[in-house]
PDB file of N, CA and C in Angstrom:
ATOM      1  N   MET A   1      81.024  36.547  27.916  1.00  0.00           N
ATOM      2  CA  MET A   1      80.621  36.263  29.273  1.00  0.00           C
ATOM      3  C   MET A   1      79.338  37.020  29.630  1.00  0.00           C
ATOM      4  N   ILE A   2      79.254  38.271  29.191  1.00  0.00           N
ATOM      5  CA  ILE A   2      78.055  39.055  29.477  1.00  0.00           C
ATOM      6  C   ILE A   2      76.835  38.412  28.820  1.00  0.00           C
ATOM      7  N   ALA A   3      77.004  37.911  27.618  1.00  0.00           N
ATOM      8  CA  ALA A   3      75.885  37.252  26.935  1.00  0.00           C
ATOM      9  C   ALA A   3      75.423  36.026  27.715  1.00  0.00           C
ATOM     10  N   ALA A   4      76.361  35.286  28.264  1.00  0.00           N
ATOM     11  CA  ALA A   4      76.006  34.109  29.067  1.00  0.00           C
ATOM     12  C   ALA A   4      75.261  34.522  30.332  1.00  0.00           C
ATOM     13  N   LEU A   5      75.684  35.618  30.951  1.00  0.00           N
ATOM     14  CA  LEU A   5      74.989  36.105  32.145  1.00  0.00           C
ATOM     15  C   LEU A   5      73.583  36.590  31.808  1.00  0.00           C
ATOM     16  N   ARG A   6      73.434  37.227  30.653  1.00  0.00           N
ATOM     17  CA  ARG A   6      72.095  37.672  30.245  1.00  0.00           C
ATOM     18  C   ARG A   6      71.178  36.471  29.987  1.00  0.00           C
ATOM     19  N   SER A   7      71.731  35.429  29.423  1.00  0.00           N
ATOM     20  CA  SER A   7      70.963  34.205  29.203  1.00  0.00           C
ATOM     21  C   SER A   7      70.579  33.566  30.535  1.00  0.00           C
ATOM     22  N   ALA A   8      71.522  33.546  31.458  1.00  0.00           N
ATOM     23  CA  ALA A   8      71.242  32.997  32.788  1.00  0.00           C
ATOM     24  C   ALA A   8      70.163  33.819  33.486  1.00  0.00           C
ATOM     25  N   LYS A   9      70.234  35.131  33.339  1.00  0.00           N
ATOM     26  CA  LYS A   9      69.226  35.992  33.964  1.00  0.00           C
ATOM     27  C   LYS A   9      67.842  35.691  33.398  1.00  0.00           C
ATOM     28  N   ALA A  10      67.756  35.505  32.091  1.00  0.00           N
ATOM     29  CA  ALA A  10      66.466  35.189  31.472  1.00  0.00           C
ATOM     30  C   ALA A  10      65.905  33.878  32.018  1.00  0.00           C
ATOM     31  N   ALA A  11      66.769  32.885  32.177  1.00  0.00           N
ATOM     32  CA  ALA A  11      66.322  31.600  32.723  1.00  0.00           C
ATOM     33  C   ALA A  11      65.893  31.747  34.177  1.00  0.00           C
ATOM     34  N   LEU A  12      66.644  32.515  34.952  1.00  0.00           N
ATOM     35  CA  LEU A  12      66.287  32.734  36.351  1.00  0.00           C
ATOM     36  C   LEU A  12      64.980  33.513  36.472  1.00  0.00           C
ATOM     37  N   GLU A  13      64.791  34.507  35.617  1.00  0.00           N
ATOM     38  CA  GLU A  13      63.534  35.257  35.639  1.00  0.00           C
ATOM     39  C   GLU A  13      62.357  34.348  35.324  1.00  0.00           C
ATOM     40  N   HIS A  14      62.546  33.459  34.357  1.00  0.00           N
ATOM     41  CA  HIS A  14      61.481  32.511  34.027  1.00  0.00           C
ATOM     42  C   HIS A  14      61.165  31.647  35.246  1.00  0.00           C
ATOM     43  N   GLY A  15      62.190  31.091  35.854  1.00  0.00           N
ATOM     44  CA  GLY A  15      61.974  30.256  37.034  1.00  0.00           C
ATOM     45  C   GLY A  15      61.323  31.021  38.161  1.00  0.00           C
ATOM     46  N   TYR A  16      61.785  32.231  38.369  1.00  0.00           N
ATOM     47  CA  TYR A  16      61.275  33.039  39.472  1.00  0.00           C
ATOM     48  C   TYR A  16      59.814  33.407  39.268  1.00  0.00           C
ATOM     49  N   HIS A  17      59.466  33.850  38.078  1.00  0.00           N
ATOM     50  CA  HIS A  17      58.107  34.334  37.842  1.00  0.00           C
ATOM     51  C   HIS A  17      57.137  33.229  37.441  1.00  0.00           C
ATOM     52  N   GLU A  18      57.565  32.328  36.576  1.00  0.00           N
ATOM     53  CA  GLU A  18      56.650  31.324  36.039  1.00  0.00           C
ATOM     54  C   GLU A  18      56.522  30.091  36.932  1.00  0.00           C
ATOM     55  N   ILE A  19      57.615  29.657  37.505  1.00  0.00           N
ATOM     56  CA  ILE A  19      57.583  28.425  38.293  1.00  0.00           C
ATOM     57  C   ILE A  19      57.215  28.703  39.745  1.00  0.00           C
ATOM     58  N   CYS A  20      57.808  29.744  40.324  1.00  0.00           N
ATOM     59  CA  CYS A  20      57.607  30.022  41.750  1.00  0.00           C
ATOM     60  C   CYS A  20      56.639  31.167  42.013  1.00  0.00           C
ATOM     61  N   GLY A  21      56.108  31.771  40.977  1.00  0.00           N
ATOM     62  CA  GLY A  21      55.139  32.837  41.164  1.00  0.00           C
ATOM     63  C   GLY A  21      55.708  34.116  41.755  1.00  0.00           C
ATOM     64  N   GLY A  22      57.014  34.298  41.683  1.00  0.00           N
ATOM     65  CA  GLY A  22      57.627  35.520  42.181  1.00  0.00           C
ATOM     66  C   GLY A  22      57.707  35.620  43.689  1.00  0.00           C
ATOM     67  N   GLU A  23      57.633  34.484  44.365  1.00  0.00           N
ATOM     68  CA  GLU A  23      57.746  34.492  45.825  1.00  0.00           C
ATOM     69  C   GLU A  23      59.116  35.017  46.241  1.00  0.00           C
ATOM     70  N   PRO A  24      59.176  35.996  47.153  1.00  0.00           N
ATOM     71  CA  PRO A  24      60.464  36.578  47.525  1.00  0.00           C
ATOM     72  C   PRO A  24      61.421  35.606  48.208  1.00  0.00           C
ATOM     73  N   ASP A  25      60.909  34.538  48.781  1.00  0.00           N
ATOM     74  CA  ASP A  25      61.788  33.577  49.456  1.00  0.00           C
ATOM     75  C   ASP A  25      62.014  32.308  48.633  1.00  0.00           C
ATOM     76  N   SER A  26      61.692  32.367  47.338  1.00  0.00           N
ATOM     77  CA  SER A  26      61.904  31.190  46.497  1.00  0.00           C
ATOM     78  C   SER A  26      63.395  30.967  46.256  1.00  0.00           C
ATOM     79  N   ILE A  27      63.743  29.770  45.815  1.00  0.00           N
ATOM     80  CA  ILE A  27      65.150  29.452  45.550  1.00  0.00           C
ATOM     81  C   ILE A  27      65.692  30.239  44.371  1.00  0.00           C
ATOM     82  N   TRP A  28      64.835  30.864  43.599  1.00  0.00           N
ATOM     83  CA  TRP A  28      65.244  31.621  42.419  1.00  0.00           C
ATOM     84  C   TRP A  28      65.581  33.070  42.754  1.00  0.00           C
ATOM     85  N   ALA A  29      65.125  33.596  43.886  1.00  0.00           N
ATOM     86  CA  ALA A  29      65.243  35.023  44.187  1.00  0.00           C
ATOM     87  C   ALA A  29      66.691  35.482  44.352  1.00  0.00           C
ATOM     88  N   ASP A  30      67.466  34.825  45.192  1.00  0.00           N
ATOM     89  CA  ASP A  30      68.840  35.276  45.448  1.00  0.00           C
ATOM     90  C   ASP A  30      69.736  35.178  44.216  1.00  0.00           C
ATOM     91  N   PRO A  31      69.728  34.058  43.491  1.00  0.00           N
ATOM     92  CA  PRO A  31      70.558  34.017  42.279  1.00  0.00           C
ATOM     93  C   PRO A  31      70.155  35.086  41.260  1.00  0.00           C
ATOM     94  N   LEU A  32      68.867  35.354  41.143  1.00  0.00           N
ATOM     95  CA  LEU A  32      68.408  36.394  40.222  1.00  0.00           C
ATOM     96  C   LEU A  32      68.938  37.759  40.650  1.00  0.00           C
ATOM     97  N   LYS A  33      68.904  38.041  41.941  1.00  0.00           N
ATOM     98  CA  LYS A  33      69.435  39.311  42.447  1.00  0.00           C
ATOM     99  C   LYS A  33      70.927  39.426  42.169  1.00  0.00           C
ATOM    100  N   GLU A  34      71.660  38.339  42.373  1.00  0.00           N
ATOM    101  CA  GLU A  34      73.112  38.355  42.157  1.00  0.00           C
ATOM    102  C   GLU A  34      73.457  38.603  40.688  1.00  0.00           C
ATOM    103  N   VAL A  35      72.807  37.886  39.795  1.00  0.00           N
ATOM    104  CA  VAL A  35      73.086  38.047  38.367  1.00  0.00           C
ATOM    105  C   VAL A  35      72.694  39.453  37.914  1.00  0.00           C
ATOM    106  N   THR A  36      71.576  39.949  38.400  1.00  0.00           N
ATOM    107  CA  THR A  36      71.143  41.297  38.048  1.00  0.00           C
ATOM    108  C   THR A  36      72.160  42.332  38.520  1.00  0.00           C
ATOM    109  N   ALA A  37      72.679  42.165  39.718  1.00  0.00           N
ATOM    110  CA  ALA A  37      73.673  43.102  40.245  1.00  0.00           C
ATOM    111  C   ALA A  37      74.945  43.095  39.399  1.00  0.00           C
ATOM    112  N   VAL A  38      75.393  41.918  38.999  1.00  0.00           N
ATOM    113  CA  VAL A  38      76.596  41.822  38.164  1.00  0.00           C
ATOM    114  C   VAL A  38      76.360  42.501  36.818  1.00  0.00           C
ATOM    115  N   LEU A  39      75.216  42.254  36.214  1.00  0.00           N
ATOM    116  CA  LEU A  39      74.918  42.873  34.920  1.00  0.00           C
ATOM    117  C   LEU A  39      74.769  44.391  35.046  1.00  0.00           C
ATOM    118  N   ASP A  40      74.178  44.848  36.135  1.00  0.00           N
ATOM    119  CA  ASP A  40      74.064  46.291  36.351  1.00  0.00           C
ATOM    120  C   ASP A  40      75.441  46.931  36.457  1.00  0.00           C
ATOM    121  N   ARG A  41      76.357  46.277  37.182  1.00  0.00           N
ATOM    122  CA  ARG A  41      77.722  46.798  37.302  1.00  0.00           C
ATOM    123  C   ARG A  41      78.423  46.785  35.949  1.00  0.00           C
ATOM    124  N   ALA A  42      78.233  45.729  35.184  1.00  0.00           N
ATOM    125  CA  ALA A  42      78.861  45.644  33.861  1.00  0.00           C
ATOM    126  C   ALA A  42      78.320  46.730  32.938  1.00  0.00           C
ATOM    127  N   ASP A  43      77.016  46.957  32.972  1.00  0.00           N
ATOM    128  CA  ASP A  43      76.417  48.003  32.141  1.00  0.00           C
ATOM    129  C   ASP A  43      76.929  49.383  32.549  1.00  0.00           C
ATOM    130  N   ALA A  44      77.052  49.624  33.845  1.00  0.00           N
ATOM    131  CA  ALA A  44      77.564  50.910  34.323  1.00  0.00           C
ATOM    132  C   ALA A  44      79.010  51.102  33.892  1.00  0.00           C
ATOM    133  N   HIS A  45      79.783  50.044  33.931  1.00  0.00           N
ATOM    134  CA  HIS A  45      81.189  50.125  33.541  1.00  0.00           C
ATOM    135  C   HIS A  45      81.320  50.402  32.045  1.00  0.00           C
ATOM    136  N   GLN A  46      80.467  49.791  31.239  1.00  0.00           N
ATOM    137  CA  GLN A  46      80.520  49.981  29.789  1.00  0.00           C
ATOM    138  C   GLN A  46      80.082  51.382  29.385  1.00  0.00           C
ATOM    139  N   SER A  47      79.218  52.011  30.176  1.00  0.00           N
ATOM    140  CA  SER A  47      78.712  53.334  29.813  1.00  0.00           C
ATOM    141  C   SER A  47      79.677  54.455  30.184  1.00  0.00           C
ATOM    142  N   THR A  48      80.740  54.131  30.898  1.00  0.00           N
ATOM    143  CA  THR A  48      81.708  55.176  31.279  1.00  0.00           C
ATOM    144  C   THR A  48      82.846  55.254  30.309  1.00  0.00           C
TER     145      THR A  48
END
């Protein structure tokens, strides 16, 4: 599941930066923030 989320994050980052130019109000911004938050929590949990 984590691998799938990392893949999704890569796709969202591409969309956010390459397609929308990193606009903070783009449709890519919120999903990217959500996936990043989940992965950050998973990484923190694995390091404990």
